[in-house]
Amino acid sequence: MSLHRPGLPEELPDPELLWARWAAIAVVTAQDPAERGRYPTGCWLDGGGLHFDDCGCTWWTLVRAGDGRAVLYGEDESSDVKWHKPPIDMLAGAPDWLPHRTLRDLLEGYELGCVYWYENGAWARAPYPASLADDGLDCGMARFATLEDAAAELAGYLDGEVDDQSAAELLAHAEQHTLTRELLDAFRIASGNPDGATSAMAADLRRSGLDGGVAVG
């Protein structure tokens, strides 16, 4: 599913669904910390939230902020926001609970393309001028926009070893927070990765909360 360019807050999935789809891919593709390295790529989960980086043109972070709040920020090379004249204040109207120091550091380094936040049951962002063509949200987040999109993304990570339907079934469990170690093991074996990083997968499953526990990422 393609998203509007520039992004519209109402097109983003509920943050719980976005978290579930994204985190499930992070869990399935989990690596041991030593193997992940200092500059990881793909999807991963840590104490700072969920991350995606293709080591090239796009990177994103999703953070749960408690009390039904979340913040999504990142950049895709398609974003025109940071180069727009006159300048666009990406934090205009942003609530004070956002990680402002982190975001300001990224802004000062010209590393940020857009910021979206969720509270009171809705996504929001700074206002954009009519002349802005793209903020990068489509290229960055369309991969998680629907269950089908996320299933195709997951299948792609596994080089076609599993079909989209099998990936969708696993993601449906993630969305319902019923993803178990047994389901993961069966999926791992079916994907041709019987010797995958099982301890890392188990740790990330617990961290994600997709097994019905409390997410700690």
N, C-alpha and C. Protein backbone atom coordinates (compact mmCIF):
# COMPACT_ATOMS: atom_id res chain seq x y z
N MET A 1 0.85 -1.19 0.00
CA MET A 1 0.00 0.00 0.00
C MET A 1 0.89 1.24 0.00
N SER A 2 0.69 2.11 -0.97
CA SER A 2 1.43 3.36 -1.00
C SER A 2 0.75 4.39 -0.10
N LEU A 3 1.57 5.19 0.56
CA LEU A 3 1.06 6.26 1.40
C LEU A 3 1.14 7.57 0.63
N HIS A 4 0.32 8.51 1.05
CA HIS A 4 0.31 9.82 0.41
C HIS A 4 1.67 10.48 0.57
N ARG A 5 2.05 11.25 -0.44
CA ARG A 5 3.28 12.04 -0.37
C ARG A 5 2.93 13.52 -0.44
N PRO A 6 3.28 14.30 0.59
CA PRO A 6 3.88 13.89 1.85
C PRO A 6 2.91 13.12 2.72
N GLY A 7 3.44 12.50 3.78
CA GLY A 7 2.62 11.64 4.62
C GLY A 7 1.47 12.34 5.31
N LEU A 8 0.39 11.59 5.48
CA LEU A 8 -0.77 12.07 6.23
C LEU A 8 -0.87 11.25 7.51
N PRO A 9 -0.96 11.88 8.66
CA PRO A 9 -0.99 11.14 9.93
C PRO A 9 -2.05 10.05 9.98
N GLU A 10 -3.22 10.33 9.40
CA GLU A 10 -4.32 9.37 9.48
C GLU A 10 -4.07 8.10 8.68
N GLU A 11 -3.07 8.09 7.81
CA GLU A 11 -2.76 6.89 7.04
C GLU A 11 -1.85 5.92 7.79
N LEU A 12 -1.21 6.38 8.84
CA LEU A 12 -0.35 5.49 9.62
C LEU A 12 -1.20 4.48 10.40
N PRO A 13 -0.75 3.24 10.51
CA PRO A 13 -1.48 2.27 11.33
C PRO A 13 -1.47 2.69 12.79
N ASP A 14 -2.42 2.17 13.54
CA ASP A 14 -2.37 2.32 14.98
C ASP A 14 -0.99 1.90 15.47
N PRO A 15 -0.41 2.61 16.42
CA PRO A 15 0.95 2.28 16.84
C PRO A 15 1.12 0.86 17.35
N GLU A 16 0.07 0.27 17.92
CA GLU A 16 0.19 -1.12 18.37
C GLU A 16 0.34 -2.07 17.19
N LEU A 17 -0.37 -1.81 16.10
CA LEU A 17 -0.23 -2.63 14.90
C LEU A 17 1.13 -2.39 14.24
N LEU A 18 1.53 -1.12 14.17
CA LEU A 18 2.83 -0.80 13.59
C LEU A 18 3.93 -1.47 14.39
N TRP A 19 3.83 -1.40 15.71
CA TRP A 19 4.83 -2.06 16.57
C TRP A 19 4.84 -3.57 16.32
N ALA A 20 3.67 -4.18 16.28
CA ALA A 20 3.59 -5.64 16.14
C ALA A 20 4.21 -6.11 14.84
N ARG A 21 3.89 -5.47 13.72
CA ARG A 21 4.41 -5.90 12.42
C ARG A 21 5.92 -5.70 12.35
N TRP A 22 6.35 -4.57 12.79
CA TRP A 22 7.77 -4.22 12.75
C TRP A 22 8.56 -5.11 13.71
N ALA A 23 8.05 -5.25 14.93
CA ALA A 23 8.75 -6.05 15.94
C ALA A 23 8.82 -7.52 15.55
N ALA A 24 7.78 -8.03 14.90
CA ALA A 24 7.80 -9.44 14.49
C ALA A 24 8.94 -9.70 13.51
N ILE A 25 9.16 -8.78 12.59
CA ILE A 25 10.27 -8.94 11.65
C ILE A 25 11.60 -8.85 12.40
N ALA A 26 11.68 -7.95 13.39
CA ALA A 26 12.89 -7.84 14.19
C ALA A 26 13.16 -9.13 14.94
N VAL A 27 12.12 -9.74 15.48
CA VAL A 27 12.27 -10.99 16.24
C VAL A 27 12.73 -12.12 15.32
N VAL A 28 12.05 -12.29 14.19
CA VAL A 28 12.37 -13.38 13.27
C VAL A 28 13.80 -13.26 12.75
N THR A 29 14.26 -12.04 12.54
CA THR A 29 15.60 -11.83 11.97
C THR A 29 16.63 -11.47 13.03
N ALA A 30 16.31 -11.72 14.29
CA ALA A 30 17.20 -11.32 15.39
C ALA A 30 18.58 -11.94 15.25
N GLN A 31 19.56 -11.16 15.62
CA GLN A 31 20.95 -11.61 15.65
C GLN A 31 21.49 -11.46 17.07
N ASP A 32 22.47 -12.28 17.40
CA ASP A 32 23.16 -12.08 18.67
C ASP A 32 23.82 -10.71 18.65
N PRO A 33 23.84 -10.01 19.79
CA PRO A 33 24.40 -8.65 19.82
C PRO A 33 25.80 -8.55 19.22
N ALA A 34 26.63 -9.55 19.46
CA ALA A 34 28.00 -9.49 18.94
C ALA A 34 28.01 -9.53 17.41
N GLU A 35 27.06 -10.25 16.83
CA GLU A 35 26.99 -10.36 15.38
C GLU A 35 26.33 -9.13 14.76
N ARG A 36 25.46 -8.49 15.53
CA ARG A 36 24.75 -7.32 15.01
C ARG A 36 25.71 -6.18 14.73
N GLY A 37 26.73 -6.05 15.55
CA GLY A 37 27.74 -5.04 15.31
C GLY A 37 27.32 -3.65 15.74
N ARG A 38 28.22 -2.72 15.54
CA ARG A 38 27.99 -1.35 15.98
C ARG A 38 27.00 -0.62 15.08
N TYR A 39 26.96 -0.98 13.81
CA TYR A 39 26.07 -0.32 12.86
C TYR A 39 25.14 -1.36 12.23
N PRO A 40 24.10 -1.78 12.96
CA PRO A 40 23.21 -2.82 12.44
C PRO A 40 22.36 -2.35 11.28
N THR A 41 21.86 -3.29 10.52
CA THR A 41 20.94 -2.99 9.43
C THR A 41 19.72 -3.89 9.55
N GLY A 42 18.71 -3.61 8.73
CA GLY A 42 17.47 -4.36 8.80
C GLY A 42 16.60 -3.84 9.93
N CYS A 43 15.84 -4.74 10.56
CA CYS A 43 14.97 -4.40 11.68
C CYS A 43 15.57 -4.96 12.97
N TRP A 44 15.57 -4.18 14.02
CA TRP A 44 16.03 -4.69 15.31
C TRP A 44 15.36 -3.92 16.44
N LEU A 45 15.45 -4.50 17.61
CA LEU A 45 14.77 -4.01 18.81
C LEU A 45 15.79 -3.88 19.92
N ASP A 46 15.77 -2.74 20.61
CA ASP A 46 16.63 -2.58 21.77
C ASP A 46 15.94 -1.69 22.79
N GLY A 47 16.67 -1.27 23.80
CA GLY A 47 16.07 -0.45 24.84
C GLY A 47 15.59 0.91 24.35
N GLY A 48 16.04 1.31 23.17
CA GLY A 48 15.61 2.58 22.60
C GLY A 48 14.43 2.47 21.67
N GLY A 49 13.84 1.28 21.55
CA GLY A 49 12.67 1.09 20.71
C GLY A 49 12.94 0.19 19.52
N LEU A 50 12.13 0.34 18.49
CA LEU A 50 12.28 -0.41 17.25
C LEU A 50 13.03 0.42 16.23
N HIS A 51 13.86 -0.26 15.44
CA HIS A 51 14.67 0.45 14.46
C HIS A 51 14.62 -0.27 13.12
N PHE A 52 14.79 0.52 12.07
CA PHE A 52 14.97 -0.01 10.72
C PHE A 52 16.01 0.85 10.02
N ASP A 53 16.97 0.19 9.36
CA ASP A 53 18.01 0.91 8.63
C ASP A 53 18.45 0.03 7.47
N ASP A 54 18.40 0.57 6.27
CA ASP A 54 18.84 -0.22 5.11
C ASP A 54 20.30 0.06 4.75
N CYS A 55 20.99 0.79 5.64
CA CYS A 55 22.41 1.10 5.45
C CYS A 55 22.64 1.85 4.14
N GLY A 56 21.69 2.70 3.81
CA GLY A 56 21.83 3.43 2.56
C GLY A 56 20.99 4.68 2.52
N CYS A 57 19.68 4.52 2.28
CA CYS A 57 18.86 5.70 2.03
C CYS A 57 17.72 5.89 3.01
N THR A 58 17.54 4.98 3.98
CA THR A 58 16.40 5.15 4.88
C THR A 58 16.70 4.56 6.25
N TRP A 59 16.27 5.26 7.29
CA TRP A 59 16.36 4.76 8.67
C TRP A 59 15.18 5.32 9.46
N TRP A 60 14.70 4.52 10.43
CA TRP A 60 13.52 4.90 11.21
C TRP A 60 13.58 4.32 12.61
N THR A 61 12.92 5.01 13.54
CA THR A 61 12.81 4.55 14.93
C THR A 61 11.37 4.75 15.40
N LEU A 62 10.84 3.75 16.08
CA LEU A 62 9.52 3.83 16.71
C LEU A 62 9.70 3.59 18.20
N VAL A 63 9.20 4.51 19.01
CA VAL A 63 9.34 4.42 20.46
C VAL A 63 7.98 4.51 21.11
N ARG A 64 7.70 3.58 21.99
CA ARG A 64 6.52 3.69 22.84
C ARG A 64 6.86 4.61 24.00
N ALA A 65 5.98 5.55 24.28
CA ALA A 65 6.27 6.54 25.31
C ALA A 65 5.33 6.45 26.51
N GLY A 66 4.58 5.34 26.64
CA GLY A 66 3.67 5.17 27.76
C GLY A 66 2.40 5.98 27.62
N ASP A 67 1.39 5.61 28.39
CA ASP A 67 0.11 6.33 28.39
C ASP A 67 -0.50 6.43 27.00
N GLY A 68 -0.35 5.37 26.19
CA GLY A 68 -0.93 5.37 24.86
C GLY A 68 -0.23 6.29 23.88
N ARG A 69 1.01 6.65 24.16
CA ARG A 69 1.76 7.56 23.30
C ARG A 69 2.86 6.82 22.55
N ALA A 70 3.23 7.36 21.41
CA ALA A 70 4.32 6.81 20.62
C ALA A 70 4.91 7.92 19.76
N VAL A 71 6.16 7.73 19.36
CA VAL A 71 6.79 8.68 18.45
C VAL A 71 7.52 7.90 17.37
N LEU A 72 7.35 8.34 16.15
CA LEU A 72 8.00 7.75 14.98
C LEU A 72 8.83 8.85 14.31
N TYR A 73 10.10 8.55 14.09
CA TYR A 73 10.93 9.54 13.43
C TYR A 73 11.99 8.84 12.59
N GLY A 74 12.49 9.55 11.58
CA GLY A 74 13.50 8.96 10.72
C GLY A 74 13.70 9.79 9.47
N GLU A 75 14.26 9.12 8.47
CA GLU A 75 14.54 9.83 7.24
C GLU A 75 14.60 8.85 6.07
N ASP A 76 14.11 9.27 4.94
CA ASP A 76 14.33 8.59 3.67
C ASP A 76 14.89 9.64 2.71
N GLU A 77 15.71 9.18 1.80
CA GLU A 77 16.34 10.13 0.88
C GLU A 77 15.32 10.86 0.01
N SER A 78 14.09 10.34 -0.05
CA SER A 78 13.04 11.00 -0.83
C SER A 78 12.48 12.24 -0.13
N SER A 79 12.80 12.41 1.17
CA SER A 79 12.26 13.53 1.93
C SER A 79 12.84 14.86 1.46
N ASP A 80 11.95 15.83 1.28
CA ASP A 80 12.37 17.19 0.92
C ASP A 80 12.30 18.14 2.11
N VAL A 81 11.96 17.61 3.28
CA VAL A 81 11.66 18.49 4.41
C VAL A 81 12.88 19.31 4.82
N LYS A 82 14.00 18.65 5.05
CA LYS A 82 15.14 19.38 5.61
C LYS A 82 15.79 20.34 4.61
N TRP A 83 15.44 20.18 3.32
CA TRP A 83 16.00 21.07 2.31
C TRP A 83 15.01 22.15 1.87
N HIS A 84 13.82 22.11 2.43
CA HIS A 84 12.77 23.01 1.97
C HIS A 84 13.08 24.46 2.32
N LYS A 85 12.77 25.34 1.40
CA LYS A 85 12.89 26.77 1.63
C LYS A 85 11.52 27.41 1.45
N PRO A 86 11.04 28.18 2.44
CA PRO A 86 11.65 28.42 3.75
C PRO A 86 11.68 27.16 4.61
N PRO A 87 12.52 27.14 5.65
CA PRO A 87 12.67 25.95 6.48
C PRO A 87 11.36 25.52 7.14
N ILE A 88 11.22 24.21 7.31
CA ILE A 88 10.06 23.63 8.00
C ILE A 88 10.49 23.21 9.40
N ASP A 89 9.76 23.64 10.39
CA ASP A 89 10.01 23.24 11.77
C ASP A 89 9.31 21.91 12.01
N MET A 90 10.06 20.82 12.00
CA MET A 90 9.48 19.48 12.16
C MET A 90 8.90 19.25 13.54
N LEU A 91 9.24 20.11 14.49
CA LEU A 91 8.75 19.94 15.86
C LEU A 91 7.68 20.98 16.22
N ALA A 92 7.18 21.71 15.24
CA ALA A 92 6.12 22.68 15.50
C ALA A 92 4.88 21.96 16.02
N GLY A 93 4.41 22.38 17.18
CA GLY A 93 3.23 21.77 17.77
C GLY A 93 3.48 20.46 18.48
N ALA A 94 4.75 20.04 18.55
CA ALA A 94 5.06 18.75 19.18
C ALA A 94 4.89 18.82 20.69
N PRO A 95 4.37 17.76 21.30
CA PRO A 95 4.21 17.76 22.75
C PRO A 95 5.55 17.68 23.47
N ASP A 96 5.56 18.04 24.74
CA ASP A 96 6.83 18.12 25.46
C ASP A 96 7.38 16.75 25.86
N TRP A 97 6.59 15.67 25.70
CA TRP A 97 7.07 14.35 26.09
C TRP A 97 7.93 13.69 25.02
N LEU A 98 8.02 14.27 23.84
CA LEU A 98 8.89 13.72 22.81
C LEU A 98 10.36 13.77 23.27
N PRO A 99 11.22 12.91 22.70
CA PRO A 99 12.65 12.96 23.05
C PRO A 99 13.32 14.14 22.36
N HIS A 100 13.04 15.33 22.84
CA HIS A 100 13.46 16.54 22.14
C HIS A 100 14.97 16.67 21.99
N ARG A 101 15.72 16.25 23.00
CA ARG A 101 17.18 16.36 22.88
C ARG A 101 17.70 15.51 21.73
N THR A 102 17.21 14.28 21.65
CA THR A 102 17.62 13.40 20.55
C THR A 102 17.23 13.99 19.21
N LEU A 103 16.00 14.46 19.13
CA LEU A 103 15.51 15.00 17.86
C LEU A 103 16.26 16.28 17.47
N ARG A 104 16.56 17.12 18.44
CA ARG A 104 17.31 18.34 18.15
C ARG A 104 18.72 18.02 17.65
N ASP A 105 19.34 17.01 18.27
CA ASP A 105 20.68 16.61 17.82
C ASP A 105 20.64 16.13 16.37
N LEU A 106 19.61 15.36 16.03
CA LEU A 106 19.47 14.88 14.65
C LEU A 106 19.20 16.04 13.70
N LEU A 107 18.38 16.98 14.13
CA LEU A 107 18.10 18.14 13.29
C LEU A 107 19.36 18.97 13.03
N GLU A 108 20.14 19.16 14.07
CA GLU A 108 21.36 19.95 13.92
C GLU A 108 22.35 19.27 12.99
N GLY A 109 22.29 17.94 12.92
CA GLY A 109 23.19 17.20 12.04
C GLY A 109 22.60 16.94 10.66
N TYR A 110 21.44 17.53 10.37
CA TYR A 110 20.75 17.32 9.09
C TYR A 110 20.52 15.83 8.82
N GLU A 111 20.12 15.12 9.88
CA GLU A 111 19.91 13.68 9.79
C GLU A 111 18.45 13.27 9.91
N LEU A 112 17.56 14.23 10.03
CA LEU A 112 16.16 13.92 10.29
C LEU A 112 15.28 14.37 9.13
N GLY A 113 14.33 13.49 8.74
CA GLY A 113 13.45 13.79 7.63
C GLY A 113 12.03 14.12 8.03
N CYS A 114 11.54 13.50 9.11
CA CYS A 114 10.19 13.81 9.59
C CYS A 114 9.98 13.22 10.97
N VAL A 115 8.97 13.74 11.66
CA VAL A 115 8.61 13.28 13.00
C VAL A 115 7.09 13.18 13.08
N TYR A 116 6.60 12.06 13.57
CA TYR A 116 5.17 11.86 13.82
C TYR A 116 5.01 11.42 15.28
N TRP A 117 3.95 11.87 15.91
CA TRP A 117 3.70 11.45 17.28
C TRP A 117 2.24 11.04 17.45
N TYR A 118 2.01 10.18 18.43
CA TYR A 118 0.68 9.61 18.66
C TYR A 118 0.27 9.85 20.10
N GLU A 119 -0.87 10.46 20.29
CA GLU A 119 -1.47 10.60 21.61
C GLU A 119 -2.96 10.91 21.44
N ASN A 120 -3.73 10.62 22.47
CA ASN A 120 -5.18 10.84 22.43
C ASN A 120 -5.83 10.15 21.24
N GLY A 121 -5.27 8.99 20.85
CA GLY A 121 -5.90 8.17 19.83
C GLY A 121 -5.65 8.58 18.40
N ALA A 122 -4.66 9.45 18.15
CA ALA A 122 -4.42 9.90 16.78
C ALA A 122 -2.96 10.26 16.56
N TRP A 123 -2.50 10.01 15.32
CA TRP A 123 -1.17 10.46 14.90
C TRP A 123 -1.23 11.93 14.51
N ALA A 124 -0.11 12.62 14.68
CA ALA A 124 -0.02 14.02 14.28
C ALA A 124 1.42 14.32 13.85
N ARG A 125 1.60 15.43 13.20
CA ARG A 125 2.92 15.92 12.81
C ARG A 125 2.85 17.42 12.68
N ALA A 126 4.00 18.04 12.44
CA ALA A 126 4.04 19.47 12.20
C ALA A 126 3.29 19.80 10.91
N PRO A 127 2.74 20.99 10.77
CA PRO A 127 2.09 21.38 9.51
C PRO A 127 3.13 21.54 8.40
N TYR A 128 2.74 21.13 7.19
CA TYR A 128 3.61 21.26 6.03
C TYR A 128 3.04 22.30 5.06
N PRO A 129 3.91 23.01 4.38
CA PRO A 129 3.43 23.93 3.33
C PRO A 129 2.97 23.14 2.11
N ALA A 130 2.11 23.73 1.34
CA ALA A 130 1.57 23.05 0.14
C ALA A 130 2.66 22.75 -0.87
N SER A 131 3.77 23.45 -0.80
CA SER A 131 4.85 23.24 -1.76
C SER A 131 5.72 22.03 -1.46
N LEU A 132 5.52 21.38 -0.30
CA LEU A 132 6.33 20.21 0.04
C LEU A 132 5.83 18.99 -0.72
N ALA A 133 6.72 18.35 -1.45
CA ALA A 133 6.33 17.21 -2.28
C ALA A 133 6.35 15.89 -1.52
N ASP A 134 7.29 15.71 -0.59
CA ASP A 134 7.46 14.40 0.04
C ASP A 134 8.21 14.57 1.35
N ASP A 135 7.80 13.80 2.37
CA ASP A 135 8.56 13.81 3.62
C ASP A 135 9.22 12.47 3.90
N GLY A 136 9.13 11.52 2.95
CA GLY A 136 9.80 10.24 3.10
C GLY A 136 8.99 9.16 3.78
N LEU A 137 7.81 9.50 4.30
CA LEU A 137 7.05 8.51 5.05
C LEU A 137 6.65 7.32 4.18
N ASP A 138 6.26 7.56 2.95
CA ASP A 138 5.84 6.47 2.08
C ASP A 138 6.96 5.46 1.87
N CYS A 139 8.12 5.93 1.43
CA CYS A 139 9.23 5.02 1.18
C CYS A 139 9.70 4.33 2.46
N GLY A 140 9.55 5.01 3.59
CA GLY A 140 10.01 4.43 4.85
C GLY A 140 9.03 3.47 5.50
N MET A 141 7.75 3.85 5.56
CA MET A 141 6.80 3.11 6.38
C MET A 141 5.73 2.34 5.62
N ALA A 142 5.64 2.50 4.30
CA ALA A 142 4.63 1.75 3.55
C ALA A 142 4.81 0.25 3.72
N ARG A 143 6.02 -0.18 4.03
CA ARG A 143 6.31 -1.61 4.22
C ARG A 143 5.55 -2.21 5.39
N PHE A 144 5.08 -1.37 6.31
CA PHE A 144 4.33 -1.83 7.48
C PHE A 144 2.88 -1.37 7.48
N ALA A 145 2.43 -0.75 6.39
CA ALA A 145 1.12 -0.10 6.37
C ALA A 145 -0.03 -1.08 6.57
N THR A 146 0.09 -2.27 6.00
CA THR A 146 -0.95 -3.30 6.15
C THR A 146 -0.28 -4.62 6.52
N LEU A 147 -1.09 -5.57 6.94
CA LEU A 147 -0.57 -6.90 7.23
C LEU A 147 0.06 -7.51 5.99
N GLU A 148 -0.57 -7.30 4.84
CA GLU A 148 -0.05 -7.87 3.59
C GLU A 148 1.30 -7.25 3.23
N ASP A 149 1.44 -5.94 3.42
CA ASP A 149 2.72 -5.28 3.14
C ASP A 149 3.82 -5.84 4.04
N ALA A 150 3.51 -5.98 5.32
CA ALA A 150 4.49 -6.47 6.26
C ALA A 150 4.85 -7.93 5.98
N ALA A 151 3.87 -8.73 5.54
CA ALA A 151 4.13 -10.12 5.20
C ALA A 151 5.09 -10.22 4.02
N ALA A 152 4.88 -9.38 3.02
CA ALA A 152 5.78 -9.36 1.87
C ALA A 152 7.18 -8.93 2.29
N GLU A 153 7.25 -7.96 3.21
CA GLU A 153 8.54 -7.50 3.71
C GLU A 153 9.26 -8.64 4.45
N LEU A 154 8.54 -9.34 5.30
CA LEU A 154 9.14 -10.45 6.05
C LEU A 154 9.59 -11.56 5.10
N ALA A 155 8.76 -11.92 4.16
CA ALA A 155 9.14 -12.96 3.20
C ALA A 155 10.38 -12.55 2.42
N GLY A 156 10.49 -11.25 2.12
CA GLY A 156 11.65 -10.76 1.40
C GLY A 156 12.93 -10.91 2.20
N TYR A 157 12.85 -10.71 3.52
CA TYR A 157 14.02 -10.90 4.37
C TYR A 157 14.52 -12.33 4.33
N LEU A 158 13.60 -13.25 4.08
CA LEU A 158 13.94 -14.68 4.12
C LEU A 158 14.21 -15.23 2.74
N ASP A 159 14.43 -14.35 1.78
CA ASP A 159 14.83 -14.74 0.42
C ASP A 159 13.88 -15.74 -0.22
N GLY A 160 12.57 -15.58 0.06
CA GLY A 160 11.59 -16.42 -0.59
C GLY A 160 11.47 -17.83 -0.06
N GLU A 161 12.12 -18.11 1.09
CA GLU A 161 12.03 -19.46 1.66
C GLU A 161 10.64 -19.74 2.23
N VAL A 162 9.90 -18.72 2.57
CA VAL A 162 8.51 -18.87 3.00
C VAL A 162 7.66 -17.95 2.13
N ASP A 163 6.39 -18.32 1.95
CA ASP A 163 5.52 -17.50 1.12
C ASP A 163 4.84 -16.42 1.96
N ASP A 164 4.20 -15.49 1.27
CA ASP A 164 3.56 -14.38 1.96
C ASP A 164 2.46 -14.85 2.91
N GLN A 165 1.77 -15.92 2.55
CA GLN A 165 0.69 -16.40 3.41
C GLN A 165 1.22 -16.90 4.75
N SER A 166 2.31 -17.66 4.72
CA SER A 166 2.91 -18.14 5.97
C SER A 166 3.40 -16.97 6.81
N ALA A 167 4.00 -15.99 6.14
CA ALA A 167 4.46 -14.80 6.85
C ALA A 167 3.28 -14.04 7.46
N ALA A 168 2.17 -13.95 6.72
CA ALA A 168 1.00 -13.25 7.21
C ALA A 168 0.41 -13.94 8.44
N GLU A 169 0.42 -15.26 8.45
CA GLU A 169 -0.10 -16.01 9.59
C GLU A 169 0.73 -15.73 10.84
N LEU A 170 2.04 -15.69 10.68
CA LEU A 170 2.90 -15.37 11.82
C LEU A 170 2.64 -13.95 12.30
N LEU A 171 2.52 -13.01 11.37
CA LEU A 171 2.28 -11.62 11.74
C LEU A 171 0.91 -11.43 12.39
N ALA A 172 -0.06 -12.23 12.00
CA ALA A 172 -1.38 -12.14 12.63
C ALA A 172 -1.27 -12.50 14.11
N HIS A 173 -0.46 -13.51 14.42
CA HIS A 173 -0.22 -13.84 15.84
C HIS A 173 0.46 -12.68 16.55
N ALA A 174 1.40 -12.04 15.86
CA ALA A 174 2.09 -10.90 16.47
C ALA A 174 1.09 -9.78 16.78
N GLU A 175 0.19 -9.50 15.85
CA GLU A 175 -0.80 -8.44 16.07
C GLU A 175 -1.72 -8.76 17.24
N GLN A 176 -1.96 -10.05 17.46
CA GLN A 176 -2.85 -10.47 18.55
C GLN A 176 -2.09 -10.73 19.85
N HIS A 177 -0.76 -10.52 19.82
CA HIS A 177 0.12 -10.77 20.97
C HIS A 177 0.03 -12.22 21.43
N THR A 178 -0.04 -13.13 20.45
CA THR A 178 -0.07 -14.56 20.76
C THR A 178 1.09 -15.28 20.07
N LEU A 179 2.15 -14.56 19.82
CA LEU A 179 3.32 -15.15 19.17
C LEU A 179 4.14 -15.90 20.21
N THR A 180 4.27 -17.21 20.02
CA THR A 180 4.96 -18.04 20.99
C THR A 180 6.31 -18.50 20.47
N ARG A 181 7.13 -18.99 21.37
CA ARG A 181 8.43 -19.54 20.98
C ARG A 181 8.24 -20.73 20.04
N GLU A 182 7.20 -21.53 20.28
CA GLU A 182 6.95 -22.69 19.44
C GLU A 182 6.60 -22.27 18.01
N LEU A 183 5.77 -21.24 17.87
CA LEU A 183 5.42 -20.74 16.54
C LEU A 183 6.66 -20.19 15.84
N LEU A 184 7.49 -19.50 16.59
CA LEU A 184 8.73 -18.96 16.01
C LEU A 184 9.66 -20.06 15.56
N ASP A 185 9.80 -21.09 16.39
CA ASP A 185 10.69 -22.20 16.03
C ASP A 185 10.21 -22.89 14.76
N ALA A 186 8.90 -23.12 14.65
CA ALA A 186 8.36 -23.77 13.46
C ALA A 186 8.57 -22.90 12.23
N PHE A 187 8.38 -21.59 12.39
CA PHE A 187 8.58 -20.68 11.27
C PHE A 187 10.05 -20.62 10.88
N ARG A 188 10.93 -20.63 11.86
CA ARG A 188 12.36 -20.59 11.61
C ARG A 188 12.81 -21.80 10.82
N ILE A 189 12.31 -22.96 11.20
CA ILE A 189 12.68 -24.20 10.49
C ILE A 189 12.12 -24.18 9.07
N ALA A 190 10.86 -23.72 8.94
CA ALA A 190 10.24 -23.67 7.61
C ALA A 190 10.97 -22.69 6.69
N SER A 191 11.61 -21.68 7.28
CA SER A 191 12.31 -20.68 6.48
C SER A 191 13.71 -21.12 6.09
N GLY A 192 14.07 -22.34 6.47
CA GLY A 192 15.39 -22.85 6.12
C GLY A 192 16.49 -22.33 7.00
N ASN A 193 16.14 -21.93 8.22
CA ASN A 193 17.13 -21.38 9.15
C ASN A 193 17.07 -22.12 10.49
N PRO A 194 17.27 -23.45 10.46
CA PRO A 194 17.11 -24.23 11.69
C PRO A 194 18.12 -23.89 12.77
N ASP A 195 19.24 -23.30 12.38
CA ASP A 195 20.29 -22.98 13.35
C ASP A 195 20.39 -21.48 13.59
N GLY A 196 19.28 -20.78 13.44
CA GLY A 196 19.28 -19.33 13.62
C GLY A 196 19.59 -18.95 15.06
N ALA A 197 19.65 -17.65 15.28
CA ALA A 197 20.02 -17.14 16.61
C ALA A 197 18.82 -17.28 17.55
N THR A 198 18.60 -18.51 18.01
CA THR A 198 17.39 -18.79 18.80
C THR A 198 17.37 -18.04 20.12
N SER A 199 18.52 -17.87 20.76
CA SER A 199 18.54 -17.15 22.03
C SER A 199 18.21 -15.68 21.82
N ALA A 200 18.72 -15.11 20.73
CA ALA A 200 18.41 -13.71 20.43
C ALA A 200 16.93 -13.55 20.08
N MET A 201 16.38 -14.51 19.33
CA MET A 201 14.96 -14.45 18.99
C MET A 201 14.10 -14.51 20.25
N ALA A 202 14.46 -15.42 21.16
CA ALA A 202 13.69 -15.56 22.40
C ALA A 202 13.77 -14.29 23.24
N ALA A 203 14.95 -13.70 23.31
CA ALA A 203 15.12 -12.48 24.10
C ALA A 203 14.31 -11.33 23.49
N ASP A 204 14.35 -11.21 22.16
CA ASP A 204 13.60 -10.14 21.51
C ASP A 204 12.10 -10.38 21.56
N LEU A 205 11.68 -11.64 21.56
CA LEU A 205 10.26 -11.93 21.71
C LEU A 205 9.77 -11.44 23.06
N ARG A 206 10.54 -11.71 24.12
CA ARG A 206 10.16 -11.22 25.45
C ARG A 206 10.16 -9.69 25.48
N ARG A 207 11.18 -9.09 24.89
CA ARG A 207 11.30 -7.64 24.90
C ARG A 207 10.15 -6.97 24.14
N SER A 208 9.71 -7.61 23.06
CA SER A 208 8.69 -7.01 22.20
C SER A 208 7.30 -6.99 22.80
N GLY A 209 7.02 -7.96 23.68
CA GLY A 209 5.67 -8.08 24.22
C GLY A 209 4.70 -8.80 23.30
N LEU A 210 5.18 -9.33 22.19
CA LEU A 210 4.30 -9.99 21.23
C LEU A 210 3.83 -11.36 21.72
N ASP A 211 4.41 -11.83 22.81
CA ASP A 211 3.98 -13.09 23.41
C ASP A 211 2.94 -12.88 24.50
N GLY A 212 2.44 -11.67 24.59
CA GLY A 212 1.44 -11.36 25.62
C GLY A 212 2.02 -10.74 26.86
N GLY A 213 3.35 -10.67 26.92
CA GLY A 213 4.01 -10.04 28.06
C GLY A 213 4.05 -8.54 27.89
N VAL A 214 4.78 -7.89 28.78
CA VAL A 214 4.91 -6.44 28.75
C VAL A 214 6.13 -6.08 27.92
N ALA A 215 5.93 -5.25 26.90
CA ALA A 215 7.04 -4.83 26.07
C ALA A 215 7.98 -3.95 26.88
N VAL A 216 9.27 -4.17 26.71
CA VAL A 216 10.26 -3.36 27.42
C VAL A 216 11.12 -2.55 26.48
N GLY A 217 10.84 -2.66 25.16
CA GLY A 217 11.63 -1.87 24.19
C GLY A 217 11.10 -0.46 24.08
